[in-house]
Amino acid sequence: MKKILCLSVLTIAISCKTPKKSIKEVNPEEYASTITASELKDHLYTFASDDFQGRDTGKPGQKKAANYLKNNYIEMEIASPLGGANYFQHIPSSFFHNKYNDSENVVAYIEGSEFPDEVVVVSAHYDHVGIDAEGNVFNGADDDGSGTVAVLEIAEAFKEAQKDGYQPRRSILFLHVTGEEKGLLGSDYYTKNPIFPLKNTVTDLNTDMIGRIDPKHEDDPNYIYLIGSDKLSTDLHELSEEMNSKYTQFDLDYTYNDENDPNRFYYRSDHYNFAKHNIPVIFYFNGTHSDYHQITDTPDKIEYDLMARRAQLIFYTAWEVANRDERLVIDKVN
């Protein structure tokens, strides 16, 4: 009798338990809301402080920055695709033609539940230009401290979903590259030595400067420049527009996406090393400002609420790419 009663109680408990939703039915706003202005600010005031000495490639400040990222991923319990506590893709000085010391990309990873071999890359460069001859530190809060800490927060949002049982259907690689300021060198190294085959890389969503407002938009800061979204995949462009319309309602400014734009920003950040391999990309960018590559690019000038919403747009886009039924179609090949 006692055994039958125990089995009955267990059966009732199981039957009363609310089943988990499919990840396709989950509202991603619940996880996007974990990307907050206050957490971005906390990260950036550390990451773009004088202690990191301008994060120059191969220098002690860059090494300190790499360890900061690694330690945050360990604390968030987000694994490395390299295994164990190894979050660094080592780049030897010889790759830089011995102009710079050895350096490293920082990598973290959440494996997909249904299409683990298909990889969505969310990237940002974490290096900057260091210290000048007079000892002035170039903190690089916007360039690209903003993108770097945004990737951390996006990773945390995906991890929170995973903790609740909602594993992304495709794998997600959080890629922090070094050497961007030296000529896109860290992303060049990654695409020549990919951790995951480039043929399995679905997209690169690259974030380089999303914390400020440029002069053009001072009167209406509800914007973000998007570059590259339509150049290789109509799917990606339409999906990006849909996510913005549904969740964030930014003015998506495509000024710099014009092939005739003299700034040629499409070729000037790390997404391009993916695009030239016919991997669809989006480059998220706030435009330049008077503090660009100056010692005045400091964390006190960042618009943190705006930056959080921009990071949420990137999260929504990555979420949709990772969880849709079909892989993005590449219908425009270079």
C-alpha atoms as a PDB file:
ATOM      1  CA  MET A   1       0.000   0.000   0.000  1.00  0.00           C
ATOM      2  CA  LYS A   2       2.799   2.408   0.901  1.00  0.00           C
ATOM      3  CA  LYS A   3       4.588   1.654  -2.384  1.00  0.00           C
ATOM      4  CA  ILE A   4       1.427   2.285  -4.418  1.00  0.00           C
ATOM      5  CA  LEU A   5       0.835   5.594  -2.607  1.00  0.00           C
ATOM      6  CA  CYS A   6       4.390   6.772  -3.312  1.00  0.00           C
ATOM      7  CA  LEU A   7       4.034   5.916  -6.981  1.00  0.00           C
ATOM      8  CA  SER A   8       0.737   7.787  -7.129  1.00  0.00           C
ATOM      9  CA  VAL A   9       2.242  10.899  -5.560  1.00  0.00           C
ATOM     10  CA  LEU A  10       5.158  10.743  -8.006  1.00  0.00           C
ATOM     11  CA  THR A  11       2.774  10.366 -10.951  1.00  0.00           C
ATOM     12  CA  ILE A  12       0.748  13.381  -9.830  1.00  0.00           C
ATOM     13  CA  ALA A  13       3.906  15.456  -9.349  1.00  0.00           C
ATOM     14  CA  ILE A  14       5.144  14.634 -12.840  1.00  0.00           C
ATOM     15  CA  SER A  15       1.767  15.249 -14.455  1.00  0.00           C
ATOM     16  CA  CYS A  16       1.360  18.605 -12.671  1.00  0.00           C
ATOM     17  CA  LYS A  17       4.782  19.888 -13.674  1.00  0.00           C
ATOM     18  CA  THR A  18       4.485  22.646 -16.274  1.00  0.00           C
ATOM     19  CA  PRO A  19       6.271  21.531 -19.452  1.00  0.00           C
ATOM     20  CA  LYS A  20       8.975  23.717 -20.935  1.00  0.00           C
ATOM     21  CA  LYS A  21       8.093  25.666 -24.047  1.00  0.00           C
ATOM     22  CA  SER A  22       9.876  25.050 -27.273  1.00  0.00           C
ATOM     23  CA  ILE A  23      12.598  27.658 -27.816  1.00  0.00           C
ATOM     24  CA  LYS A  24      10.608  28.840 -30.856  1.00  0.00           C
ATOM     25  CA  GLU A  25       7.751  29.799 -28.508  1.00  0.00           C
ATOM     26  CA  VAL A  26       9.882  31.641 -25.962  1.00  0.00           C
ATOM     27  CA  ASN A  27       9.717  35.436 -25.904  1.00  0.00           C
ATOM     28  CA  PRO A  28      13.370  36.527 -26.225  1.00  0.00           C
ATOM     29  CA  GLU A  29      12.533  39.857 -24.551  1.00  0.00           C
ATOM     30  CA  GLU A  30      12.827  38.046 -21.230  1.00  0.00           C
ATOM     31  CA  TYR A  31      16.517  37.464 -21.913  1.00  0.00           C
ATOM     32  CA  ALA A  32      17.213  40.668 -23.816  1.00  0.00           C
ATOM     33  CA  SER A  33      16.136  42.512 -20.662  1.00  0.00           C
ATOM     34  CA  THR A  34      19.196  41.093 -18.881  1.00  0.00           C
ATOM     35  CA  ILE A  35      21.335  43.352 -21.104  1.00  0.00           C
ATOM     36  CA  THR A  36      21.302  46.455 -18.942  1.00  0.00           C
ATOM     37  CA  ALA A  37      22.878  49.892 -19.000  1.00  0.00           C
ATOM     38  CA  SER A  38      24.172  49.441 -15.460  1.00  0.00           C
ATOM     39  CA  GLU A  39      26.020  46.181 -16.214  1.00  0.00           C
ATOM     40  CA  LEU A  40      27.473  47.591 -19.428  1.00  0.00           C
ATOM     41  CA  LYS A  41      28.666  50.619 -17.490  1.00  0.00           C
ATOM     42  CA  ASP A  42      30.248  48.499 -14.755  1.00  0.00           C
ATOM     43  CA  HIS A  43      32.134  46.465 -17.337  1.00  0.00           C
ATOM     44  CA  LEU A  44      33.256  49.426 -19.409  1.00  0.00           C
ATOM     45  CA  TYR A  45      34.525  51.560 -16.539  1.00  0.00           C
ATOM     46  CA  THR A  46      36.878  48.681 -15.790  1.00  0.00           C
ATOM     47  CA  PHE A  47      37.677  47.612 -19.337  1.00  0.00           C
ATOM     48  CA  ALA A  48      38.388  51.140 -20.603  1.00  0.00           C
ATOM     49  CA  SER A  49      40.273  52.279 -17.505  1.00  0.00           C
ATOM     50  CA  ASP A  50      43.902  53.384 -17.410  1.00  0.00           C
ATOM     51  CA  ASP A  51      44.750  50.031 -15.807  1.00  0.00           C
ATOM     52  CA  PHE A  52      44.368  48.396 -19.221  1.00  0.00           C
ATOM     53  CA  GLN A  53      46.899  50.779 -20.780  1.00  0.00           C
ATOM     54  CA  GLY A  54      45.012  51.240 -24.040  1.00  0.00           C
ATOM     55  CA  ARG A  55      44.969  47.490 -24.833  1.00  0.00           C
ATOM     56  CA  ASP A  56      47.654  47.707 -27.524  1.00  0.00           C
ATOM     57  CA  THR A  57      48.170  44.416 -29.380  1.00  0.00           C
ATOM     58  CA  GLY A  58      50.766  42.205 -27.707  1.00  0.00           C
ATOM     59  CA  LYS A  59      51.289  44.621 -24.812  1.00  0.00           C
ATOM     60  CA  PRO A  60      50.566  43.990 -21.084  1.00  0.00           C
ATOM     61  CA  GLY A  61      47.318  45.969 -21.190  1.00  0.00           C
ATOM     62  CA  GLN A  62      45.949  43.786 -23.966  1.00  0.00           C
ATOM     63  CA  LYS A  63      46.915  40.675 -22.001  1.00  0.00           C
ATOM     64  CA  LYS A  64      45.098  42.060 -18.970  1.00  0.00           C
ATOM     65  CA  ALA A  65      42.040  42.720 -21.127  1.00  0.00           C
ATOM     66  CA  ALA A  66      42.124  39.161 -22.471  1.00  0.00           C
ATOM     67  CA  ASN A  67      42.189  37.773 -18.951  1.00  0.00           C
ATOM     68  CA  TYR A  68      39.310  40.041 -17.951  1.00  0.00           C
ATOM     69  CA  LEU A  69      37.195  38.536 -20.725  1.00  0.00           C
ATOM     70  CA  LYS A  70      38.269  34.992 -19.914  1.00  0.00           C
ATOM     71  CA  ASN A  71      37.469  35.400 -16.218  1.00  0.00           C
ATOM     72  CA  ASN A  72      34.019  36.776 -17.006  1.00  0.00           C
ATOM     73  CA  TYR A  73      33.225  33.817 -19.233  1.00  0.00           C
ATOM     74  CA  ILE A  74      34.386  31.429 -16.532  1.00  0.00           C
ATOM     75  CA  GLU A  75      32.258  33.251 -13.964  1.00  0.00           C
ATOM     76  CA  MET A  76      29.229  33.031 -16.294  1.00  0.00           C
ATOM     77  CA  GLU A  77      29.941  29.317 -16.808  1.00  0.00           C
ATOM     78  CA  ILE A  78      30.153  29.741 -20.571  1.00  0.00           C
ATOM     79  CA  ALA A  79      32.535  27.167 -21.992  1.00  0.00           C
ATOM     80  CA  SER A  80      35.481  27.579 -24.314  1.00  0.00           C
ATOM     81  CA  PRO A  81      35.372  25.768 -27.659  1.00  0.00           C
ATOM     82  CA  LEU A  82      39.046  25.012 -27.093  1.00  0.00           C
ATOM     83  CA  GLY A  83      38.273  22.995 -23.964  1.00  0.00           C
ATOM     84  CA  GLY A  84      38.882  23.451 -20.271  1.00  0.00           C
ATOM     85  CA  ALA A  85      40.165  26.828 -19.116  1.00  0.00           C
ATOM     86  CA  ASN A  86      41.785  27.634 -22.467  1.00  0.00           C
ATOM     87  CA  TYR A  87      39.848  30.617 -23.842  1.00  0.00           C
ATOM     88  CA  PHE A  88      42.739  31.977 -25.932  1.00  0.00           C
ATOM     89  CA  GLN A  89      43.369  31.338 -29.607  1.00  0.00           C
ATOM     90  CA  HIS A  90      47.105  32.001 -29.597  1.00  0.00           C
ATOM     91  CA  ILE A  91      48.511  34.145 -32.421  1.00  0.00           C
ATOM     92  CA  PRO A  92      52.301  34.001 -32.773  1.00  0.00           C
ATOM     93  CA  SER A  93      54.373  37.066 -33.480  1.00  0.00           C
ATOM     94  CA  SER A  94      55.398  35.492 -36.787  1.00  0.00           C
ATOM     95  CA  PHE A  95      51.841  35.943 -38.060  1.00  0.00           C
ATOM     96  CA  PHE A  96      52.343  39.677 -37.510  1.00  0.00           C
ATOM     97  CA  HIS A  97      55.659  39.497 -39.427  1.00  0.00           C
ATOM     98  CA  ASN A  98      57.310  40.009 -36.017  1.00  0.00           C
ATOM     99  CA  LYS A  99      56.089  43.629 -35.869  1.00  0.00           C
ATOM    100  CA  TYR A 100      54.090  42.904 -32.705  1.00  0.00           C
ATOM    101  CA  ASN A 101      54.373  40.490 -29.801  1.00  0.00           C
ATOM    102  CA  ASP A 102      52.356  37.291 -29.584  1.00  0.00           C
ATOM    103  CA  SER A 103      48.693  37.974 -28.983  1.00  0.00           C
ATOM    104  CA  GLU A 104      45.414  36.100 -28.641  1.00  0.00           C
ATOM    105  CA  ASN A 105      41.796  36.088 -29.657  1.00  0.00           C
ATOM    106  CA  VAL A 106      39.401  35.297 -26.810  1.00  0.00           C
ATOM    107  CA  VAL A 107      36.690  32.726 -27.531  1.00  0.00           C
ATOM    108  CA  ALA A 108      33.648  31.356 -25.699  1.00  0.00           C
ATOM    109  CA  TYR A 109      30.910  29.059 -26.917  1.00  0.00           C
ATOM    110  CA  ILE A 110      27.387  27.767 -26.387  1.00  0.00           C
ATOM    111  CA  GLU A 111      26.687  24.572 -28.321  1.00  0.00           C
ATOM    112  CA  GLY A 112      23.547  24.273 -30.381  1.00  0.00           C
ATOM    113  CA  SER A 113      20.919  21.674 -29.517  1.00  0.00           C
ATOM    114  CA  GLU A 114      19.755  20.725 -33.046  1.00  0.00           C
ATOM    115  CA  PHE A 115      22.310  22.105 -35.492  1.00  0.00           C
ATOM    116  CA  PRO A 116      25.514  22.146 -33.429  1.00  0.00           C
ATOM    117  CA  ASP A 117      27.746  22.187 -36.504  1.00  0.00           C
ATOM    118  CA  GLU A 118      26.196  25.442 -37.729  1.00  0.00           C
ATOM    119  CA  VAL A 119      27.832  28.402 -35.963  1.00  0.00           C
ATOM    120  CA  VAL A 120      26.646  31.965 -35.427  1.00  0.00           C
ATOM    121  CA  VAL A 121      29.574  34.285 -34.653  1.00  0.00           C
ATOM    122  CA  VAL A 122      29.085  37.380 -32.488  1.00  0.00           C
ATOM    123  CA  SER A 123      32.304  39.388 -32.650  1.00  0.00           C
ATOM    124  CA  ALA A 124      34.052  42.550 -31.509  1.00  0.00           C
ATOM    125  CA  HIS A 125      37.670  43.650 -31.346  1.00  0.00           C
ATOM    126  CA  TYR A 126      38.996  44.274 -27.854  1.00  0.00           C
ATOM    127  CA  ASP A 127      42.356  45.879 -28.702  1.00  0.00           C
ATOM    128  CA  HIS A 128      42.993  49.613 -29.013  1.00  0.00           C
ATOM    129  CA  VAL A 129      45.992  51.851 -29.718  1.00  0.00           C
ATOM    130  CA  GLY A 130      47.783  51.899 -26.366  1.00  0.00           C
ATOM    131  CA  ILE A 131      49.793  54.763 -24.878  1.00  0.00           C
ATOM    132  CA  ASP A 132      51.521  57.655 -26.643  1.00  0.00           C
ATOM    133  CA  ALA A 133      55.082  58.913 -26.137  1.00  0.00           C
ATOM    134  CA  GLU A 134      53.911  61.326 -23.432  1.00  0.00           C
ATOM    135  CA  GLY A 135      52.259  58.534 -21.444  1.00  0.00           C
ATOM    136  CA  ASN A 136      48.670  59.395 -22.386  1.00  0.00           C
ATOM    137  CA  VAL A 137      46.374  56.374 -22.329  1.00  0.00           C
ATOM    138  CA  PHE A 138      43.975  55.861 -25.227  1.00  0.00           C
ATOM    139  CA  ASN A 139      41.163  54.186 -23.306  1.00  0.00           C
ATOM    140  CA  GLY A 140      39.065  53.276 -26.353  1.00  0.00           C
ATOM    141  CA  ALA A 141      35.769  53.271 -24.466  1.00  0.00           C
ATOM    142  CA  ASP A 142      33.699  53.467 -27.622  1.00  0.00           C
ATOM    143  CA  ASP A 143      36.359  51.960 -29.925  1.00  0.00           C
ATOM    144  CA  ASP A 144      35.825  49.173 -29.137  1.00  0.00           C
ATOM    145  CA  GLY A 145      35.237  48.820 -25.457  1.00  0.00           C
ATOM    146  CA  SER A 146      31.558  49.327 -26.218  1.00  0.00           C
ATOM    147  CA  GLY A 147      31.373  46.405 -28.634  1.00  0.00           C
ATOM    148  CA  THR A 148      33.461  44.191 -26.375  1.00  0.00           C
ATOM    149  CA  VAL A 149      31.315  44.552 -23.281  1.00  0.00           C
ATOM    150  CA  ALA A 150      28.161  44.318 -25.410  1.00  0.00           C
ATOM    151  CA  VAL A 151      29.300  40.861 -26.560  1.00  0.00           C
ATOM    152  CA  LEU A 152      29.794  39.875 -22.908  1.00  0.00           C
ATOM    153  CA  GLU A 153      26.254  40.949 -22.096  1.00  0.00           C
ATOM    154  CA  ILE A 154      24.811  39.219 -25.162  1.00  0.00           C
ATOM    155  CA  ALA A 155      26.616  36.044 -24.121  1.00  0.00           C
ATOM    156  CA  GLU A 156      25.165  36.332 -20.636  1.00  0.00           C
ATOM    157  CA  ALA A 157      21.645  36.694 -22.080  1.00  0.00           C
ATOM    158  CA  PHE A 158      22.060  33.489 -24.087  1.00  0.00           C
ATOM    159  CA  LYS A 159      23.447  31.755 -21.014  1.00  0.00           C
ATOM    160  CA  GLU A 160      20.429  32.781 -18.936  1.00  0.00           C
ATOM    161  CA  ALA A 161      18.179  31.231 -21.576  1.00  0.00           C
ATOM    162  CA  GLN A 162      20.300  28.080 -21.520  1.00  0.00           C
ATOM    163  CA  LYS A 163      19.994  27.875 -17.735  1.00  0.00           C
ATOM    164  CA  ASP A 164      16.219  27.932 -18.148  1.00  0.00           C
ATOM    165  CA  GLY A 165      16.440  25.003 -20.540  1.00  0.00           C
ATOM    166  CA  TYR A 166      16.422  26.954 -23.797  1.00  0.00           C
ATOM    167  CA  GLN A 167      19.551  25.895 -25.641  1.00  0.00           C
ATOM    168  CA  PRO A 168      20.014  27.732 -28.956  1.00  0.00           C
ATOM    169  CA  ARG A 169      19.341  25.444 -31.902  1.00  0.00           C
ATOM    170  CA  ARG A 170      22.583  26.516 -33.598  1.00  0.00           C
ATOM    171  CA  SER A 171      25.890  27.012 -31.850  1.00  0.00           C
ATOM    172  CA  ILE A 172      27.078  30.503 -30.946  1.00  0.00           C
ATOM    173  CA  LEU A 173      30.713  31.591 -30.867  1.00  0.00           C
ATOM    174  CA  PHE A 174      31.521  34.745 -28.924  1.00  0.00           C
ATOM    175  CA  LEU A 175      34.693  35.991 -30.596  1.00  0.00           C
ATOM    176  CA  HIS A 176      36.824  38.823 -29.227  1.00  0.00           C
ATOM    177  CA  VAL A 177      39.586  39.551 -31.705  1.00  0.00           C
ATOM    178  CA  THR A 178      42.901  41.260 -31.201  1.00  0.00           C
ATOM    179  CA  GLY A 179      44.891  43.342 -33.684  1.00  0.00           C
ATOM    180  CA  GLU A 180      41.998  45.114 -35.390  1.00  0.00           C
ATOM    181  CA  GLU A 181      43.737  48.462 -35.084  1.00  0.00           C
ATOM    182  CA  LYS A 182      46.805  46.966 -36.774  1.00  0.00           C
ATOM    183  CA  GLY A 183      44.837  45.926 -39.861  1.00  0.00           C
ATOM    184  CA  LEU A 184      42.095  43.434 -38.891  1.00  0.00           C
ATOM    185  CA  LEU A 185      44.793  40.956 -37.925  1.00  0.00           C
ATOM    186  CA  GLY A 186      42.995  38.934 -35.242  1.00  0.00           C
ATOM    187  CA  SER A 187      39.990  38.237 -37.443  1.00  0.00           C
ATOM    188  CA  ASP A 188      42.321  37.502 -40.342  1.00  0.00           C
ATOM    189  CA  TYR A 189      44.049  34.908 -38.182  1.00  0.00           C
ATOM    190  CA  TYR A 190      40.742  33.385 -37.103  1.00  0.00           C
ATOM    191  CA  THR A 191      39.431  33.012 -40.653  1.00  0.00           C
ATOM    192  CA  LYS A 192      42.729  31.471 -41.757  1.00  0.00           C
ATOM    193  CA  ASN A 193      42.756  29.180 -38.704  1.00  0.00           C
ATOM    194  CA  PRO A 194      39.072  28.762 -37.867  1.00  0.00           C
ATOM    195  CA  ILE A 195      38.022  26.886 -34.775  1.00  0.00           C
ATOM    196  CA  PHE A 196      34.889  25.875 -36.683  1.00  0.00           C
ATOM    197  CA  PRO A 197      34.951  25.360 -40.460  1.00  0.00           C
ATOM    198  CA  LEU A 198      34.056  28.504 -42.363  1.00  0.00           C
ATOM    199  CA  LYS A 199      31.617  26.480 -44.476  1.00  0.00           C
ATOM    200  CA  ASN A 200      29.634  25.895 -41.261  1.00  0.00           C
ATOM    201  CA  THR A 201      29.710  29.539 -40.179  1.00  0.00           C
ATOM    202  CA  VAL A 202      26.221  30.959 -40.695  1.00  0.00           C
ATOM    203  CA  THR A 203      26.902  34.649 -40.080  1.00  0.00           C
ATOM    204  CA  ASP A 204      29.143  37.133 -38.289  1.00  0.00           C
ATOM    205  CA  LEU A 205      27.395  39.877 -36.329  1.00  0.00           C
ATOM    206  CA  ASN A 206      30.213  42.326 -35.645  1.00  0.00           C
ATOM    207  CA  THR A 207      30.026  45.174 -33.159  1.00  0.00           C
ATOM    208  CA  ASP A 208      32.518  48.025 -33.401  1.00  0.00           C
ATOM    209  CA  MET A 209      31.553  51.275 -31.636  1.00  0.00           C
ATOM    210  CA  ILE A 210      27.946  51.322 -30.400  1.00  0.00           C
ATOM    211  CA  GLY A 211      28.182  53.622 -27.375  1.00  0.00           C
ATOM    212  CA  ARG A 212      28.043  57.140 -28.792  1.00  0.00           C
ATOM    213  CA  ILE A 213      26.005  59.507 -30.966  1.00  0.00           C
ATOM    214  CA  ASP A 214      27.560  61.010 -34.081  1.00  0.00           C
ATOM    215  CA  PRO A 215      27.010  64.652 -35.133  1.00  0.00           C
ATOM    216  CA  LYS A 216      24.454  63.691 -37.789  1.00  0.00           C
ATOM    217  CA  HIS A 217      22.089  62.237 -35.191  1.00  0.00           C
ATOM    218  CA  GLU A 218      22.492  64.623 -32.256  1.00  0.00           C
ATOM    219  CA  ASP A 219      18.862  65.744 -32.573  1.00  0.00           C
ATOM    220  CA  ASP A 220      17.501  62.207 -32.985  1.00  0.00           C
ATOM    221  CA  PRO A 221      19.748  59.576 -31.378  1.00  0.00           C
ATOM    222  CA  ASN A 222      17.376  56.664 -31.945  1.00  0.00           C
ATOM    223  CA  TYR A 223      19.576  55.140 -34.653  1.00  0.00           C
ATOM    224  CA  ILE A 224      22.262  52.633 -35.479  1.00  0.00           C
ATOM    225  CA  TYR A 225      24.264  52.285 -38.681  1.00  0.00           C
ATOM    226  CA  LEU A 226      24.031  48.859 -40.297  1.00  0.00           C
ATOM    227  CA  ILE A 227      26.616  47.872 -42.859  1.00  0.00           C
ATOM    228  CA  GLY A 228      26.745  44.734 -44.977  1.00  0.00           C
ATOM    229  CA  SER A 229      23.413  43.147 -44.069  1.00  0.00           C
ATOM    230  CA  ASP A 230      22.197  42.915 -47.677  1.00  0.00           C
ATOM    231  CA  LYS A 231      25.459  42.270 -49.467  1.00  0.00           C
ATOM    232  CA  LEU A 232      25.440  38.464 -49.329  1.00  0.00           C
ATOM    233  CA  SER A 233      22.093  37.340 -47.936  1.00  0.00           C
ATOM    234  CA  THR A 234      18.634  38.781 -48.507  1.00  0.00           C
ATOM    235  CA  ASP A 235      17.509  36.485 -45.676  1.00  0.00           C
ATOM    236  CA  LEU A 236      19.816  38.190 -43.189  1.00  0.00           C
ATOM    237  CA  HIS A 237      18.802  41.685 -44.233  1.00  0.00           C
ATOM    238  CA  GLU A 238      15.083  40.947 -44.021  1.00  0.00           C
ATOM    239  CA  LEU A 239      15.477  39.132 -40.701  1.00  0.00           C
ATOM    240  CA  SER A 240      17.452  42.073 -39.280  1.00  0.00           C
ATOM    241  CA  GLU A 241      14.768  44.533 -40.380  1.00  0.00           C
ATOM    242  CA  GLU A 242      12.077  42.317 -38.861  1.00  0.00           C
ATOM    243  CA  MET A 243      13.830  42.067 -35.492  1.00  0.00           C
ATOM    244  CA  ASN A 244      14.245  45.821 -35.313  1.00  0.00           C
ATOM    245  CA  SER A 245      10.631  46.466 -36.277  1.00  0.00           C
ATOM    246  CA  LYS A 246       9.368  43.948 -33.740  1.00  0.00           C
ATOM    247  CA  TYR A 247      11.550  44.801 -30.757  1.00  0.00           C
ATOM    248  CA  THR A 248      13.743  47.919 -30.867  1.00  0.00           C
ATOM    249  CA  GLN A 249      12.358  50.332 -33.472  1.00  0.00           C
ATOM    250  CA  PHE A 250      15.644  52.055 -34.321  1.00  0.00           C
ATOM    251  CA  ASP A 251      16.145  54.190 -37.378  1.00  0.00           C
ATOM    252  CA  LEU A 252      18.395  51.780 -39.270  1.00  0.00           C
ATOM    253  CA  ASP A 253      20.770  54.048 -41.130  1.00  0.00           C
ATOM    254  CA  TYR A 254      22.351  52.463 -44.225  1.00  0.00           C
ATOM    255  CA  THR A 255      24.396  55.509 -45.271  1.00  0.00           C
ATOM    256  CA  TYR A 256      27.710  53.678 -44.933  1.00  0.00           C
ATOM    257  CA  ASN A 257      26.364  50.577 -46.656  1.00  0.00           C
ATOM    258  CA  ASP A 258      26.509  52.387 -49.987  1.00  0.00           C
ATOM    259  CA  GLU A 259      29.194  50.914 -52.239  1.00  0.00           C
ATOM    260  CA  ASN A 260      30.121  54.451 -53.252  1.00  0.00           C
ATOM    261  CA  ASP A 261      30.555  55.733 -49.712  1.00  0.00           C
ATOM    262  CA  PRO A 262      34.101  57.154 -49.508  1.00  0.00           C
ATOM    263  CA  ASN A 263      34.620  55.948 -45.914  1.00  0.00           C
ATOM    264  CA  ARG A 264      34.507  52.308 -47.053  1.00  0.00           C
ATOM    265  CA  PHE A 265      33.595  51.136 -43.549  1.00  0.00           C
ATOM    266  CA  TYR A 266      32.445  47.784 -44.938  1.00  0.00           C
ATOM    267  CA  TYR A 267      36.110  46.934 -45.466  1.00  0.00           C
ATOM    268  CA  ARG A 268      37.388  48.449 -42.221  1.00  0.00           C
ATOM    269  CA  SER A 269      36.276  46.186 -39.388  1.00  0.00           C
ATOM    270  CA  ASP A 270      36.533  42.507 -38.592  1.00  0.00           C
ATOM    271  CA  HIS A 271      33.335  41.345 -40.276  1.00  0.00           C
ATOM    272  CA  TYR A 272      35.060  41.863 -43.624  1.00  0.00           C
ATOM    273  CA  ASN A 273      37.375  38.898 -43.067  1.00  0.00           C
ATOM    274  CA  PHE A 274      34.225  36.756 -42.876  1.00  0.00           C
ATOM    275  CA  ALA A 275      32.431  38.503 -45.747  1.00  0.00           C
ATOM    276  CA  LYS A 276      35.288  37.898 -48.156  1.00  0.00           C
ATOM    277  CA  HIS A 277      34.681  34.183 -47.554  1.00  0.00           C
ATOM    278  CA  ASN A 278      31.021  34.669 -48.516  1.00  0.00           C
ATOM    279  CA  ILE A 279      29.773  34.510 -44.934  1.00  0.00           C
ATOM    280  CA  PRO A 280      26.859  36.935 -44.412  1.00  0.00           C
ATOM    281  CA  VAL A 281      27.647  39.760 -42.000  1.00  0.00           C
ATOM    282  CA  ILE A 282      26.218  42.780 -40.230  1.00  0.00           C
ATOM    283  CA  PHE A 283      28.452  45.536 -38.909  1.00  0.00           C
ATOM    284  CA  TYR A 284      26.802  47.548 -36.092  1.00  0.00           C
ATOM    285  CA  PHE A 285      28.259  51.054 -35.776  1.00  0.00           C
ATOM    286  CA  ASN A 286      27.398  54.427 -34.243  1.00  0.00           C
ATOM    287  CA  GLY A 287      29.554  56.466 -36.629  1.00  0.00           C
ATOM    288  CA  THR A 288      32.623  58.512 -35.823  1.00  0.00           C
ATOM    289  CA  HIS A 289      32.863  61.468 -33.465  1.00  0.00           C
ATOM    290  CA  SER A 290      35.454  63.981 -32.303  1.00  0.00           C
ATOM    291  CA  ASP A 291      36.865  61.546 -29.709  1.00  0.00           C
ATOM    292  CA  TYR A 292      37.562  58.810 -32.251  1.00  0.00           C
ATOM    293  CA  HIS A 293      41.155  57.595 -31.707  1.00  0.00           C
ATOM    294  CA  GLN A 294      41.756  60.369 -29.186  1.00  0.00           C
ATOM    295  CA  ILE A 295      42.653  60.161 -25.507  1.00  0.00           C
ATOM    296  CA  THR A 296      39.216  61.652 -24.863  1.00  0.00           C
ATOM    297  CA  ASP A 297      37.383  58.427 -25.844  1.00  0.00           C
ATOM    298  CA  THR A 298      36.513  57.692 -22.215  1.00  0.00           C
ATOM    299  CA  PRO A 299      33.684  55.747 -20.517  1.00  0.00           C
ATOM    300  CA  ASP A 300      32.032  58.840 -19.026  1.00  0.00           C
ATOM    301  CA  LYS A 301      30.928  59.867 -22.543  1.00  0.00           C
ATOM    302  CA  ILE A 302      29.063  56.671 -23.366  1.00  0.00           C
ATOM    303  CA  GLU A 303      25.268  56.720 -23.739  1.00  0.00           C
ATOM    304  CA  TYR A 304      24.618  53.557 -21.725  1.00  0.00           C
ATOM    305  CA  ASP A 305      20.841  53.321 -22.128  1.00  0.00           C
ATOM    306  CA  LEU A 306      21.176  53.701 -25.887  1.00  0.00           C
ATOM    307  CA  MET A 307      24.056  51.254 -25.966  1.00  0.00           C
ATOM    308  CA  ALA A 308      21.978  48.650 -24.088  1.00  0.00           C
ATOM    309  CA  ARG A 309      19.174  48.903 -26.661  1.00  0.00           C
ATOM    310  CA  ARG A 310      21.658  48.556 -29.503  1.00  0.00           C
ATOM    311  CA  ALA A 311      23.123  45.462 -27.862  1.00  0.00           C
ATOM    312  CA  GLN A 312      19.616  44.080 -27.474  1.00  0.00           C
ATOM    313  CA  LEU A 313      19.021  44.477 -31.218  1.00  0.00           C
ATOM    314  CA  ILE A 314      22.140  42.410 -31.873  1.00  0.00           C
ATOM    315  CA  PHE A 315      20.933  39.816 -29.369  1.00  0.00           C
ATOM    316  CA  TYR A 316      17.509  39.563 -31.025  1.00  0.00           C
ATOM    317  CA  THR A 317      19.118  39.149 -34.431  1.00  0.00           C
ATOM    318  CA  ALA A 318      21.520  36.468 -33.188  1.00  0.00           C
ATOM    319  CA  TRP A 319      18.630  34.724 -31.406  1.00  0.00           C
ATOM    320  CA  GLU A 320      16.552  34.589 -34.575  1.00  0.00           C
ATOM    321  CA  VAL A 321      19.439  33.405 -36.777  1.00  0.00           C
ATOM    322  CA  ALA A 322      20.350  30.724 -34.242  1.00  0.00           C
ATOM    323  CA  ASN A 323      16.806  29.433 -33.771  1.00  0.00           C
ATOM    324  CA  ARG A 324      15.086  29.641 -37.171  1.00  0.00           C
ATOM    325  CA  ASP A 325      14.257  26.434 -39.016  1.00  0.00           C
ATOM    326  CA  GLU A 326      16.485  27.046 -41.997  1.00  0.00           C
ATOM    327  CA  ARG A 327      20.049  28.287 -42.258  1.00  0.00           C
ATOM    328  CA  LEU A 328      20.435  31.723 -43.844  1.00  0.00           C
ATOM    329  CA  VAL A 329      20.451  31.510 -47.608  1.00  0.00           C
ATOM    330  CA  ILE A 330      23.409  33.114 -49.399  1.00  0.00           C
ATOM    331  CA  ASP A 331      21.932  34.459 -52.601  1.00  0.00           C
ATOM    332  CA  LYS A 332      24.597  37.030 -53.472  1.00  0.00           C
ATOM    333  CA  VAL A 333      28.110  35.657 -53.864  1.00  0.00           C
ATOM    334  CA  ASN A 334      31.219  37.807 -54.216  1.00  0.00           C
END
